[in-house]
Amino acid sequence: MNTDRHRFFIRCLQLIVVLGFAFSVHAQQAKQKIEQPKTVENYKLNSKLMAREMPYRVILPVNYKNSNEKTVYSVVYLLHGLTGHFDNWTDKTKLAEYAAKYNYIIVMPEGNDGWYTDSATVPNDRYETYILQELISEIDKKFRTASDKKHRAVAGLSMGGYGSIKFGLKYPEMFSLVGSFSGALGAASWTEKDLGTRGFIAKSILSVYGNTDSETRKQNDIFKLVKEMPADKLKNLPFIYLDCGTEDFLYQNNRDFANLLQEKKVPHEFRELPGAHDWKFWDAQVREFLELSEKFIK
């Protein structure tokens, strides 16, 4: 009996040690996720278009608060992917570390699952107009920005890659550089049949774009926009950077779009790299994009 009690006591001690270690690891991981450098700040915009508060995250240059009040900075907007949120870029990559060497203000908007498009079915889901009209204006008022095309870029991953290229095509006067990492570039033309077992994507696509023949689809299909754009407007587009992992399910979609840009002689760079649709790939590519951006924004 005493032996049994002794074994029970030892097992309890072992369980306490294991649980204590697990709690310690979890707490440490949570702390690592929550804590951000002092240059990373969260804000909210009371959007009239969206009829609600919209959160966004900003990374300021390391010297921003100590710099001359007349010093202005270029702005890079980074868009998240489907099922993601505005805090993904800093929580899941080393973006804050990479950003430290650049004098950019980096803005990460909330896009929910809205495909950076004014929804065909939900009146107050106006993600395109919100970002282009309200958020950019808010950033230019709140921070010391150089608020012209030459000092503004936009990029994103997956859904955000599609959104950034769409913004560049529809509003070329606002951006000098757009970037897409593993972009879901065919989004506006996809149907339930195209997406097959990816039901969660199909649901968001139908909600945002509506029926297959809707005006929302036609106005936001980036393949259609490039194909039908007059030659004089094609010449005024921002430089387009896109990449995709060769193991990514969106690889062919990206190759098709790159081929279209080549056919239309739109200045661009397409990188085909080993990789999948994951944060390891996007962490590497956002670093590459920041390096590339120095050639296009000052």
C-alpha atoms as a PDB file:
ATOM      1  CA  MET A   1       0.000   0.000   0.000  1.00  0.00           C
ATOM      2  CA  ASN A   2       2.796   2.398   0.892  1.00  0.00           C
ATOM      3  CA  THR A   3       4.473   1.510  -2.415  1.00  0.00           C
ATOM      4  CA  ASP A   4       1.295   2.320  -4.319  1.00  0.00           C
ATOM      5  CA  ARG A   5       1.000   5.664  -2.514  1.00  0.00           C
ATOM      6  CA  HIS A   6       4.605   6.414  -3.293  1.00  0.00           C
ATOM      7  CA  ARG A   7       4.103   5.667  -6.999  1.00  0.00           C
ATOM      8  CA  PHE A   8       0.949   7.796  -7.060  1.00  0.00           C
ATOM      9  CA  PHE A   9       2.819  10.661  -5.399  1.00  0.00           C
ATOM     10  CA  ILE A  10       5.670  10.420  -7.926  1.00  0.00           C
ATOM     11  CA  ARG A  11       3.208  10.404 -10.844  1.00  0.00           C
ATOM     12  CA  CYS A  12       1.487  13.515  -9.463  1.00  0.00           C
ATOM     13  CA  LEU A  13       4.820  15.292  -9.192  1.00  0.00           C
ATOM     14  CA  GLN A  14       5.687  14.314 -12.762  1.00  0.00           C
ATOM     15  CA  LEU A  15       2.316  15.581 -13.998  1.00  0.00           C
ATOM     16  CA  ILE A  16       2.790  18.897 -12.183  1.00  0.00           C
ATOM     17  CA  VAL A  17       6.241  19.322 -13.739  1.00  0.00           C
ATOM     18  CA  VAL A  18       4.931  18.529 -17.247  1.00  0.00           C
ATOM     19  CA  LEU A  19       1.948  20.854 -16.914  1.00  0.00           C
ATOM     20  CA  GLY A  20       4.141  23.587 -15.480  1.00  0.00           C
ATOM     21  CA  PHE A  21       6.563  23.295 -18.390  1.00  0.00           C
ATOM     22  CA  ALA A  22       3.716  23.327 -20.929  1.00  0.00           C
ATOM     23  CA  PHE A  23       2.179  26.401 -19.295  1.00  0.00           C
ATOM     24  CA  SER A  24       5.561  28.135 -19.294  1.00  0.00           C
ATOM     25  CA  VAL A  25       6.089  27.418 -23.012  1.00  0.00           C
ATOM     26  CA  HIS A  26       2.575  28.566 -23.871  1.00  0.00           C
ATOM     27  CA  ALA A  27       2.994  31.771 -21.868  1.00  0.00           C
ATOM     28  CA  GLN A  28       6.322  32.452 -23.527  1.00  0.00           C
ATOM     29  CA  GLN A  29       4.852  31.904 -27.005  1.00  0.00           C
ATOM     30  CA  ALA A  30       1.898  34.157 -26.209  1.00  0.00           C
ATOM     31  CA  LYS A  31       4.261  36.822 -24.934  1.00  0.00           C
ATOM     32  CA  GLN A  32       6.357  36.593 -28.089  1.00  0.00           C
ATOM     33  CA  LYS A  33       3.257  36.993 -30.251  1.00  0.00           C
ATOM     34  CA  ILE A  34       1.818  39.957 -28.332  1.00  0.00           C
ATOM     35  CA  GLU A  35       4.988  41.947 -27.754  1.00  0.00           C
ATOM     36  CA  GLN A  36       6.032  44.120 -30.688  1.00  0.00           C
ATOM     37  CA  PRO A  37       8.766  46.732 -31.056  1.00  0.00           C
ATOM     38  CA  LYS A  38       7.879  50.283 -30.036  1.00  0.00           C
ATOM     39  CA  THR A  39       7.701  51.183 -33.709  1.00  0.00           C
ATOM     40  CA  VAL A  40       4.615  48.944 -34.117  1.00  0.00           C
ATOM     41  CA  GLU A  41       1.329  50.621 -33.207  1.00  0.00           C
ATOM     42  CA  ASN A  42      -2.373  49.774 -33.576  1.00  0.00           C
ATOM     43  CA  TYR A  43      -5.065  52.252 -34.576  1.00  0.00           C
ATOM     44  CA  LYS A  44      -8.756  52.338 -35.440  1.00  0.00           C
ATOM     45  CA  LEU A  45     -10.535  54.356 -38.092  1.00  0.00           C
ATOM     46  CA  ASN A  46     -14.217  55.151 -37.654  1.00  0.00           C
ATOM     47  CA  SER A  47     -15.237  54.393 -41.227  1.00  0.00           C
ATOM     48  CA  LYS A  48     -18.361  55.983 -42.661  1.00  0.00           C
ATOM     49  CA  LEU A  49     -18.210  53.718 -45.704  1.00  0.00           C
ATOM     50  CA  MET A  50     -17.972  50.546 -43.646  1.00  0.00           C
ATOM     51  CA  ALA A  51     -20.284  51.836 -40.869  1.00  0.00           C
ATOM     52  CA  ARG A  52     -17.917  50.521 -38.199  1.00  0.00           C
ATOM     53  CA  GLU A  53     -14.495  50.925 -36.687  1.00  0.00           C
ATOM     54  CA  MET A  54     -11.732  49.444 -38.800  1.00  0.00           C
ATOM     55  CA  PRO A  55      -8.448  48.470 -37.110  1.00  0.00           C
ATOM     56  CA  TYR A  56      -5.069  48.826 -38.756  1.00  0.00           C
ATOM     57  CA  ARG A  57      -1.453  48.401 -37.694  1.00  0.00           C
ATOM     58  CA  VAL A  58       1.449  50.697 -38.487  1.00  0.00           C
ATOM     59  CA  ILE A  59       5.217  50.230 -38.370  1.00  0.00           C
ATOM     60  CA  LEU A  60       6.973  53.576 -38.062  1.00  0.00           C
ATOM     61  CA  PRO A  61      10.587  54.200 -39.091  1.00  0.00           C
ATOM     62  CA  VAL A  62      12.918  53.802 -36.115  1.00  0.00           C
ATOM     63  CA  ASN A  63      13.846  57.492 -36.257  1.00  0.00           C
ATOM     64  CA  TYR A  64      10.319  58.785 -36.914  1.00  0.00           C
ATOM     65  CA  LYS A  65       9.566  60.281 -33.491  1.00  0.00           C
ATOM     66  CA  ASN A  66      12.986  61.882 -33.166  1.00  0.00           C
ATOM     67  CA  SER A  67      13.205  63.247 -36.693  1.00  0.00           C
ATOM     68  CA  ASN A  68      12.656  66.809 -37.867  1.00  0.00           C
ATOM     69  CA  GLU A  69       8.972  67.726 -38.129  1.00  0.00           C
ATOM     70  CA  LYS A  70       9.505  68.606 -41.787  1.00  0.00           C
ATOM     71  CA  THR A  71      10.813  65.125 -42.612  1.00  0.00           C
ATOM     72  CA  VAL A  72       8.304  63.077 -44.610  1.00  0.00           C
ATOM     73  CA  TYR A  73       8.271  59.350 -45.364  1.00  0.00           C
ATOM     74  CA  SER A  74       7.192  56.987 -48.101  1.00  0.00           C
ATOM     75  CA  VAL A  75       4.364  54.574 -47.308  1.00  0.00           C
ATOM     76  CA  VAL A  76       4.052  50.850 -48.054  1.00  0.00           C
ATOM     77  CA  TYR A  77       0.624  49.249 -47.624  1.00  0.00           C
ATOM     78  CA  LEU A  78       0.679  45.501 -46.904  1.00  0.00           C
ATOM     79  CA  LEU A  79      -2.498  43.456 -47.381  1.00  0.00           C
ATOM     80  CA  HIS A  80      -3.212  40.153 -45.635  1.00  0.00           C
ATOM     81  CA  GLY A  81      -4.740  37.005 -47.106  1.00  0.00           C
ATOM     82  CA  LEU A  82      -8.076  35.193 -46.857  1.00  0.00           C
ATOM     83  CA  THR A  83      -9.038  34.238 -43.259  1.00  0.00           C
ATOM     84  CA  GLY A  84      -6.299  36.608 -42.088  1.00  0.00           C
ATOM     85  CA  HIS A  85      -6.281  39.952 -40.288  1.00  0.00           C
ATOM     86  CA  PHE A  86      -4.367  43.217 -40.046  1.00  0.00           C
ATOM     87  CA  ASP A  87      -1.920  41.896 -37.426  1.00  0.00           C
ATOM     88  CA  ASN A  88      -0.787  38.842 -39.433  1.00  0.00           C
ATOM     89  CA  TRP A  89       2.236  40.422 -41.079  1.00  0.00           C
ATOM     90  CA  THR A  90       3.929  41.378 -37.830  1.00  0.00           C
ATOM     91  CA  ASP A  91       2.760  38.338 -35.831  1.00  0.00           C
ATOM     92  CA  LYS A  92       3.746  35.711 -38.392  1.00  0.00           C
ATOM     93  CA  THR A  93       6.861  37.176 -40.056  1.00  0.00           C
ATOM     94  CA  LYS A  94       9.936  39.186 -39.068  1.00  0.00           C
ATOM     95  CA  LEU A  95       8.539  42.223 -40.861  1.00  0.00           C
ATOM     96  CA  ALA A  96       9.247  44.643 -37.995  1.00  0.00           C
ATOM     97  CA  GLU A  97      12.875  43.520 -38.012  1.00  0.00           C
ATOM     98  CA  TYR A  98      13.175  43.838 -41.798  1.00  0.00           C
ATOM     99  CA  ALA A  99      11.471  47.243 -41.787  1.00  0.00           C
ATOM    100  CA  ALA A 100      14.000  48.719 -39.358  1.00  0.00           C
ATOM    101  CA  LYS A 101      16.530  49.397 -42.131  1.00  0.00           C
ATOM    102  CA  TYR A 102      14.064  51.405 -44.260  1.00  0.00           C
ATOM    103  CA  ASN A 103      12.595  54.861 -43.810  1.00  0.00           C
ATOM    104  CA  TYR A 104       9.104  53.674 -44.670  1.00  0.00           C
ATOM    105  CA  ILE A 105       5.818  53.922 -42.861  1.00  0.00           C
ATOM    106  CA  ILE A 106       4.270  50.469 -43.290  1.00  0.00           C
ATOM    107  CA  VAL A 107       0.491  50.234 -42.981  1.00  0.00           C
ATOM    108  CA  MET A 108      -1.413  46.969 -42.577  1.00  0.00           C
ATOM    109  CA  PRO A 109      -5.200  47.375 -43.086  1.00  0.00           C
ATOM    110  CA  GLU A 110      -7.969  45.031 -41.995  1.00  0.00           C
ATOM    111  CA  GLY A 111      -9.470  43.326 -45.032  1.00  0.00           C
ATOM    112  CA  ASN A 112     -11.316  40.410 -43.384  1.00  0.00           C
ATOM    113  CA  ASP A 113     -12.465  38.068 -46.197  1.00  0.00           C
ATOM    114  CA  GLY A 114     -13.582  40.930 -48.430  1.00  0.00           C
ATOM    115  CA  TRP A 115     -11.149  40.469 -51.322  1.00  0.00           C
ATOM    116  CA  TYR A 116     -10.326  44.203 -51.171  1.00  0.00           C
ATOM    117  CA  THR A 117     -13.448  44.772 -53.236  1.00  0.00           C
ATOM    118  CA  ASP A 118     -16.756  46.583 -52.763  1.00  0.00           C
ATOM    119  CA  SER A 119     -19.111  43.672 -52.128  1.00  0.00           C
ATOM    120  CA  ALA A 120     -21.936  42.856 -54.521  1.00  0.00           C
ATOM    121  CA  THR A 121     -24.072  41.496 -51.693  1.00  0.00           C
ATOM    122  CA  VAL A 122     -23.130  43.310 -48.449  1.00  0.00           C
ATOM    123  CA  PRO A 123     -23.691  47.093 -48.711  1.00  0.00           C
ATOM    124  CA  ASN A 124     -21.217  48.157 -46.009  1.00  0.00           C
ATOM    125  CA  ASP A 125     -18.415  45.807 -47.047  1.00  0.00           C
ATOM    126  CA  ARG A 126     -16.671  48.370 -49.256  1.00  0.00           C
ATOM    127  CA  TYR A 127     -13.087  47.315 -48.771  1.00  0.00           C
ATOM    128  CA  GLU A 128     -11.718  48.846 -51.967  1.00  0.00           C
ATOM    129  CA  THR A 129     -13.270  52.273 -51.501  1.00  0.00           C
ATOM    130  CA  TYR A 130     -12.540  52.246 -47.776  1.00  0.00           C
ATOM    131  CA  ILE A 131      -8.796  51.715 -48.281  1.00  0.00           C
ATOM    132  CA  LEU A 132      -8.400  53.981 -51.318  1.00  0.00           C
ATOM    133  CA  GLN A 133     -10.526  56.857 -50.058  1.00  0.00           C
ATOM    134  CA  GLU A 134     -10.628  56.728 -46.272  1.00  0.00           C
ATOM    135  CA  LEU A 135      -7.574  54.858 -44.999  1.00  0.00           C
ATOM    136  CA  ILE A 136      -4.942  56.411 -47.269  1.00  0.00           C
ATOM    137  CA  SER A 137      -6.369  59.850 -46.492  1.00  0.00           C
ATOM    138  CA  GLU A 138      -6.263  59.037 -42.773  1.00  0.00           C
ATOM    139  CA  ILE A 139      -2.619  57.943 -42.971  1.00  0.00           C
ATOM    140  CA  ASP A 140      -1.612  61.073 -44.868  1.00  0.00           C
ATOM    141  CA  LYS A 141      -3.281  63.271 -42.225  1.00  0.00           C
ATOM    142  CA  LYS A 142      -2.104  61.381 -39.146  1.00  0.00           C
ATOM    143  CA  PHE A 143       1.520  60.806 -40.167  1.00  0.00           C
ATOM    144  CA  ARG A 144       4.232  62.758 -41.966  1.00  0.00           C
ATOM    145  CA  THR A 145       3.904  61.085 -45.339  1.00  0.00           C
ATOM    146  CA  ALA A 146       5.074  62.028 -48.800  1.00  0.00           C
ATOM    147  CA  SER A 147       1.568  61.719 -50.187  1.00  0.00           C
ATOM    148  CA  ASP A 148       2.143  61.186 -53.881  1.00  0.00           C
ATOM    149  CA  LYS A 149       2.476  58.269 -56.281  1.00  0.00           C
ATOM    150  CA  LYS A 150       6.283  58.276 -56.238  1.00  0.00           C
ATOM    151  CA  HIS A 151       6.313  57.614 -52.493  1.00  0.00           C
ATOM    152  CA  ARG A 152       3.562  55.002 -52.192  1.00  0.00           C
ATOM    153  CA  ALA A 153       3.517  51.222 -52.773  1.00  0.00           C
ATOM    154  CA  VAL A 154       1.093  48.385 -52.044  1.00  0.00           C
ATOM    155  CA  ALA A 155       1.681  44.641 -51.787  1.00  0.00           C
ATOM    156  CA  GLY A 156       0.047  41.590 -50.290  1.00  0.00           C
ATOM    157  CA  LEU A 157      -0.154  37.829 -50.026  1.00  0.00           C
ATOM    158  CA  SER A 158      -2.730  35.549 -51.685  1.00  0.00           C
ATOM    159  CA  MET A 159      -6.006  37.523 -51.473  1.00  0.00           C
ATOM    160  CA  GLY A 160      -3.880  40.567 -50.678  1.00  0.00           C
ATOM    161  CA  GLY A 161      -1.703  39.951 -53.721  1.00  0.00           C
ATOM    162  CA  TYR A 162      -4.788  40.079 -55.905  1.00  0.00           C
ATOM    163  CA  GLY A 163      -5.938  43.220 -54.085  1.00  0.00           C
ATOM    164  CA  SER A 164      -2.650  45.061 -54.489  1.00  0.00           C
ATOM    165  CA  ILE A 165      -2.391  44.378 -58.234  1.00  0.00           C
ATOM    166  CA  LYS A 166      -6.053  45.373 -58.692  1.00  0.00           C
ATOM    167  CA  PHE A 167      -5.414  48.665 -56.901  1.00  0.00           C
ATOM    168  CA  GLY A 168      -2.428  49.335 -59.153  1.00  0.00           C
ATOM    169  CA  LEU A 169      -4.427  48.614 -62.304  1.00  0.00           C
ATOM    170  CA  LYS A 170      -7.475  50.639 -61.320  1.00  0.00           C
ATOM    171  CA  TYR A 171      -5.650  53.526 -59.608  1.00  0.00           C
ATOM    172  CA  PRO A 172      -2.259  53.840 -61.321  1.00  0.00           C
ATOM    173  CA  GLU A 173      -2.041  57.485 -60.302  1.00  0.00           C
ATOM    174  CA  MET A 174      -1.749  56.434 -56.656  1.00  0.00           C
ATOM    175  CA  PHE A 175       1.090  53.864 -56.649  1.00  0.00           C
ATOM    176  CA  SER A 176       4.552  53.565 -58.153  1.00  0.00           C
ATOM    177  CA  LEU A 177       4.969  49.904 -57.196  1.00  0.00           C
ATOM    178  CA  VAL A 178       2.604  47.000 -56.514  1.00  0.00           C
ATOM    179  CA  GLY A 179       3.545  43.537 -55.335  1.00  0.00           C
ATOM    180  CA  SER A 180       1.895  40.138 -55.097  1.00  0.00           C
ATOM    181  CA  PHE A 181       3.148  37.108 -53.180  1.00  0.00           C
ATOM    182  CA  SER A 182       1.327  33.875 -54.120  1.00  0.00           C
ATOM    183  CA  GLY A 183      -1.509  36.011 -55.435  1.00  0.00           C
ATOM    184  CA  ALA A 184      -5.029  34.649 -55.861  1.00  0.00           C
ATOM    185  CA  LEU A 185      -5.099  36.538 -59.136  1.00  0.00           C
ATOM    186  CA  GLY A 186      -8.081  34.862 -60.778  1.00  0.00           C
ATOM    187  CA  ALA A 187     -10.423  35.511 -57.861  1.00  0.00           C
ATOM    188  CA  ALA A 188     -13.028  37.604 -59.684  1.00  0.00           C
ATOM    189  CA  SER A 189     -13.614  34.901 -62.314  1.00  0.00           C
ATOM    190  CA  TRP A 190     -13.619  31.820 -60.064  1.00  0.00           C
ATOM    191  CA  THR A 191     -16.808  29.794 -59.676  1.00  0.00           C
ATOM    192  CA  GLU A 192     -17.748  27.007 -57.288  1.00  0.00           C
ATOM    193  CA  LYS A 193     -16.799  24.519 -60.009  1.00  0.00           C
ATOM    194  CA  ASP A 194     -13.314  26.045 -60.348  1.00  0.00           C
ATOM    195  CA  LEU A 195     -12.681  25.890 -56.603  1.00  0.00           C
ATOM    196  CA  GLY A 196     -13.876  22.308 -56.128  1.00  0.00           C
ATOM    197  CA  THR A 197     -13.304  21.205 -52.538  1.00  0.00           C
ATOM    198  CA  ARG A 198     -12.125  24.636 -51.391  1.00  0.00           C
ATOM    199  CA  GLY A 199     -15.587  25.542 -50.128  1.00  0.00           C
ATOM    200  CA  PHE A 200     -14.475  28.270 -47.739  1.00  0.00           C
ATOM    201  CA  ILE A 201     -12.949  30.187 -50.666  1.00  0.00           C
ATOM    202  CA  ALA A 202     -16.049  29.680 -52.821  1.00  0.00           C
ATOM    203  CA  LYS A 203     -18.295  31.075 -50.082  1.00  0.00           C
ATOM    204  CA  SER A 204     -16.285  34.282 -49.786  1.00  0.00           C
ATOM    205  CA  ILE A 205     -16.029  34.649 -53.589  1.00  0.00           C
ATOM    206  CA  LEU A 206     -19.801  34.397 -54.060  1.00  0.00           C
ATOM    207  CA  SER A 207     -20.448  36.811 -51.212  1.00  0.00           C
ATOM    208  CA  VAL A 208     -18.115  39.453 -52.609  1.00  0.00           C
ATOM    209  CA  TYR A 209     -18.555  39.083 -56.379  1.00  0.00           C
ATOM    210  CA  GLY A 210     -22.053  37.682 -56.694  1.00  0.00           C
ATOM    211  CA  ASN A 211     -23.226  35.702 -59.728  1.00  0.00           C
ATOM    212  CA  THR A 212     -20.855  34.696 -62.516  1.00  0.00           C
ATOM    213  CA  ASP A 213     -22.115  37.466 -64.817  1.00  0.00           C
ATOM    214  CA  SER A 214     -22.220  40.258 -62.220  1.00  0.00           C
ATOM    215  CA  GLU A 215     -20.837  43.744 -62.860  1.00  0.00           C
ATOM    216  CA  THR A 216     -18.693  43.365 -59.740  1.00  0.00           C
ATOM    217  CA  ARG A 217     -16.866  40.448 -61.340  1.00  0.00           C
ATOM    218  CA  LYS A 218     -16.335  42.315 -64.595  1.00  0.00           C
ATOM    219  CA  GLN A 219     -15.033  45.445 -62.883  1.00  0.00           C
ATOM    220  CA  ASN A 220     -12.593  43.564 -60.660  1.00  0.00           C
ATOM    221  CA  ASP A 221     -11.239  40.825 -62.935  1.00  0.00           C
ATOM    222  CA  ILE A 222      -7.567  41.806 -63.258  1.00  0.00           C
ATOM    223  CA  PHE A 223      -7.055  39.591 -66.325  1.00  0.00           C
ATOM    224  CA  LYS A 224      -9.936  41.397 -68.039  1.00  0.00           C
ATOM    225  CA  LEU A 225      -8.634  44.802 -66.937  1.00  0.00           C
ATOM    226  CA  VAL A 226      -5.216  44.181 -68.508  1.00  0.00           C
ATOM    227  CA  LYS A 227      -6.621  42.632 -71.696  1.00  0.00           C
ATOM    228  CA  GLU A 228      -8.976  45.549 -72.348  1.00  0.00           C
ATOM    229  CA  MET A 229      -6.758  48.413 -71.188  1.00  0.00           C
ATOM    230  CA  PRO A 230      -5.730  50.870 -73.950  1.00  0.00           C
ATOM    231  CA  ALA A 231      -2.025  50.959 -74.813  1.00  0.00           C
ATOM    232  CA  ASP A 232      -1.561  54.522 -73.524  1.00  0.00           C
ATOM    233  CA  LYS A 233      -2.917  53.527 -70.093  1.00  0.00           C
ATOM    234  CA  LEU A 234      -0.819  50.374 -69.953  1.00  0.00           C
ATOM    235  CA  LYS A 235       2.265  52.589 -70.209  1.00  0.00           C
ATOM    236  CA  ASN A 236       1.274  54.493 -67.066  1.00  0.00           C
ATOM    237  CA  LEU A 237       0.832  51.478 -64.802  1.00  0.00           C
ATOM    238  CA  PRO A 238       3.009  51.097 -61.711  1.00  0.00           C
ATOM    239  CA  PHE A 239       5.764  48.497 -61.821  1.00  0.00           C
ATOM    240  CA  ILE A 240       4.301  45.091 -60.990  1.00  0.00           C
ATOM    241  CA  TYR A 241       6.213  42.537 -58.925  1.00  0.00           C
ATOM    242  CA  LEU A 242       4.787  39.059 -58.501  1.00  0.00           C
ATOM    243  CA  ASP A 243       6.099  35.756 -57.272  1.00  0.00           C
ATOM    244  CA  CYS A 244       4.746  32.297 -56.522  1.00  0.00           C
ATOM    245  CA  GLY A 245       6.072  29.044 -55.148  1.00  0.00           C
ATOM    246  CA  THR A 246       6.294  26.189 -57.635  1.00  0.00           C
ATOM    247  CA  GLU A 247       4.476  23.913 -55.149  1.00  0.00           C
ATOM    248  CA  ASP A 248       1.658  26.426 -54.655  1.00  0.00           C
ATOM    249  CA  PHE A 249      -1.839  25.559 -55.948  1.00  0.00           C
ATOM    250  CA  LEU A 250      -1.937  29.095 -57.412  1.00  0.00           C
ATOM    251  CA  TYR A 251       1.279  28.670 -59.391  1.00  0.00           C
ATOM    252  CA  GLN A 252      -0.348  28.284 -62.830  1.00  0.00           C
ATOM    253  CA  ASN A 253      -2.696  31.187 -62.152  1.00  0.00           C
ATOM    254  CA  ASN A 254       0.335  33.401 -61.495  1.00  0.00           C
ATOM    255  CA  ARG A 255       2.187  32.154 -64.572  1.00  0.00           C
ATOM    256  CA  ASP A 256      -0.839  32.923 -66.731  1.00  0.00           C
ATOM    257  CA  PHE A 257      -0.996  36.477 -65.429  1.00  0.00           C
ATOM    258  CA  ALA A 258       2.756  36.983 -65.887  1.00  0.00           C
ATOM    259  CA  ASN A 259       2.413  35.772 -69.490  1.00  0.00           C
ATOM    260  CA  LEU A 260      -0.387  38.282 -70.043  1.00  0.00           C
ATOM    261  CA  LEU A 261       1.773  41.113 -68.686  1.00  0.00           C
ATOM    262  CA  GLN A 262       4.553  39.982 -71.006  1.00  0.00           C
ATOM    263  CA  GLU A 263       2.173  39.938 -73.983  1.00  0.00           C
ATOM    264  CA  LYS A 264       0.940  43.458 -73.187  1.00  0.00           C
ATOM    265  CA  LYS A 265       4.492  44.683 -72.509  1.00  0.00           C
ATOM    266  CA  VAL A 266       3.663  45.844 -68.992  1.00  0.00           C
ATOM    267  CA  PRO A 267       6.833  46.443 -66.916  1.00  0.00           C
ATOM    268  CA  HIS A 268       6.977  43.690 -64.326  1.00  0.00           C
ATOM    269  CA  GLU A 269       9.067  41.014 -62.655  1.00  0.00           C
ATOM    270  CA  PHE A 270       7.869  37.472 -62.035  1.00  0.00           C
ATOM    271  CA  ARG A 271       9.805  35.136 -59.766  1.00  0.00           C
ATOM    272  CA  GLU A 272       9.113  31.398 -59.748  1.00  0.00           C
ATOM    273  CA  LEU A 273      10.654  29.950 -56.602  1.00  0.00           C
ATOM    274  CA  PRO A 274      10.554  26.689 -54.663  1.00  0.00           C
ATOM    275  CA  GLY A 275       7.871  27.025 -52.031  1.00  0.00           C
ATOM    276  CA  ALA A 276       4.282  26.494 -50.969  1.00  0.00           C
ATOM    277  CA  HIS A 277       1.356  28.678 -49.921  1.00  0.00           C
ATOM    278  CA  ASP A 278       2.681  29.378 -46.438  1.00  0.00           C
ATOM    279  CA  TRP A 279       4.268  31.915 -44.098  1.00  0.00           C
ATOM    280  CA  LYS A 280       7.780  30.624 -44.655  1.00  0.00           C
ATOM    281  CA  PHE A 281       7.485  31.697 -48.283  1.00  0.00           C
ATOM    282  CA  TRP A 282       5.814  35.034 -47.488  1.00  0.00           C
ATOM    283  CA  ASP A 283       8.348  35.911 -44.803  1.00  0.00           C
ATOM    284  CA  ALA A 284      11.136  35.566 -47.368  1.00  0.00           C
ATOM    285  CA  GLN A 285       9.249  37.408 -50.088  1.00  0.00           C
ATOM    286  CA  VAL A 286       8.239  40.450 -48.072  1.00  0.00           C
ATOM    287  CA  ARG A 287      11.915  40.900 -47.300  1.00  0.00           C
ATOM    288  CA  GLU A 288      12.714  40.688 -51.023  1.00  0.00           C
ATOM    289  CA  PHE A 289       9.953  43.159 -51.823  1.00  0.00           C
ATOM    290  CA  LEU A 290      11.284  45.737 -49.370  1.00  0.00           C
ATOM    291  CA  GLU A 291      14.711  45.485 -50.982  1.00  0.00           C
ATOM    292  CA  LEU A 292      13.185  45.881 -54.435  1.00  0.00           C
ATOM    293  CA  SER A 293      11.086  48.839 -53.318  1.00  0.00           C
ATOM    294  CA  GLU A 294      14.126  51.073 -52.920  1.00  0.00           C
ATOM    295  CA  LYS A 295      14.370  51.232 -56.719  1.00  0.00           C
ATOM    296  CA  PHE A 296      10.834  52.605 -57.083  1.00  0.00           C
ATOM    297  CA  ILE A 297       9.940  54.608 -53.989  1.00  0.00           C
ATOM    298  CA  LYS A 298      12.160  57.088 -52.223  1.00  0.00           C
END
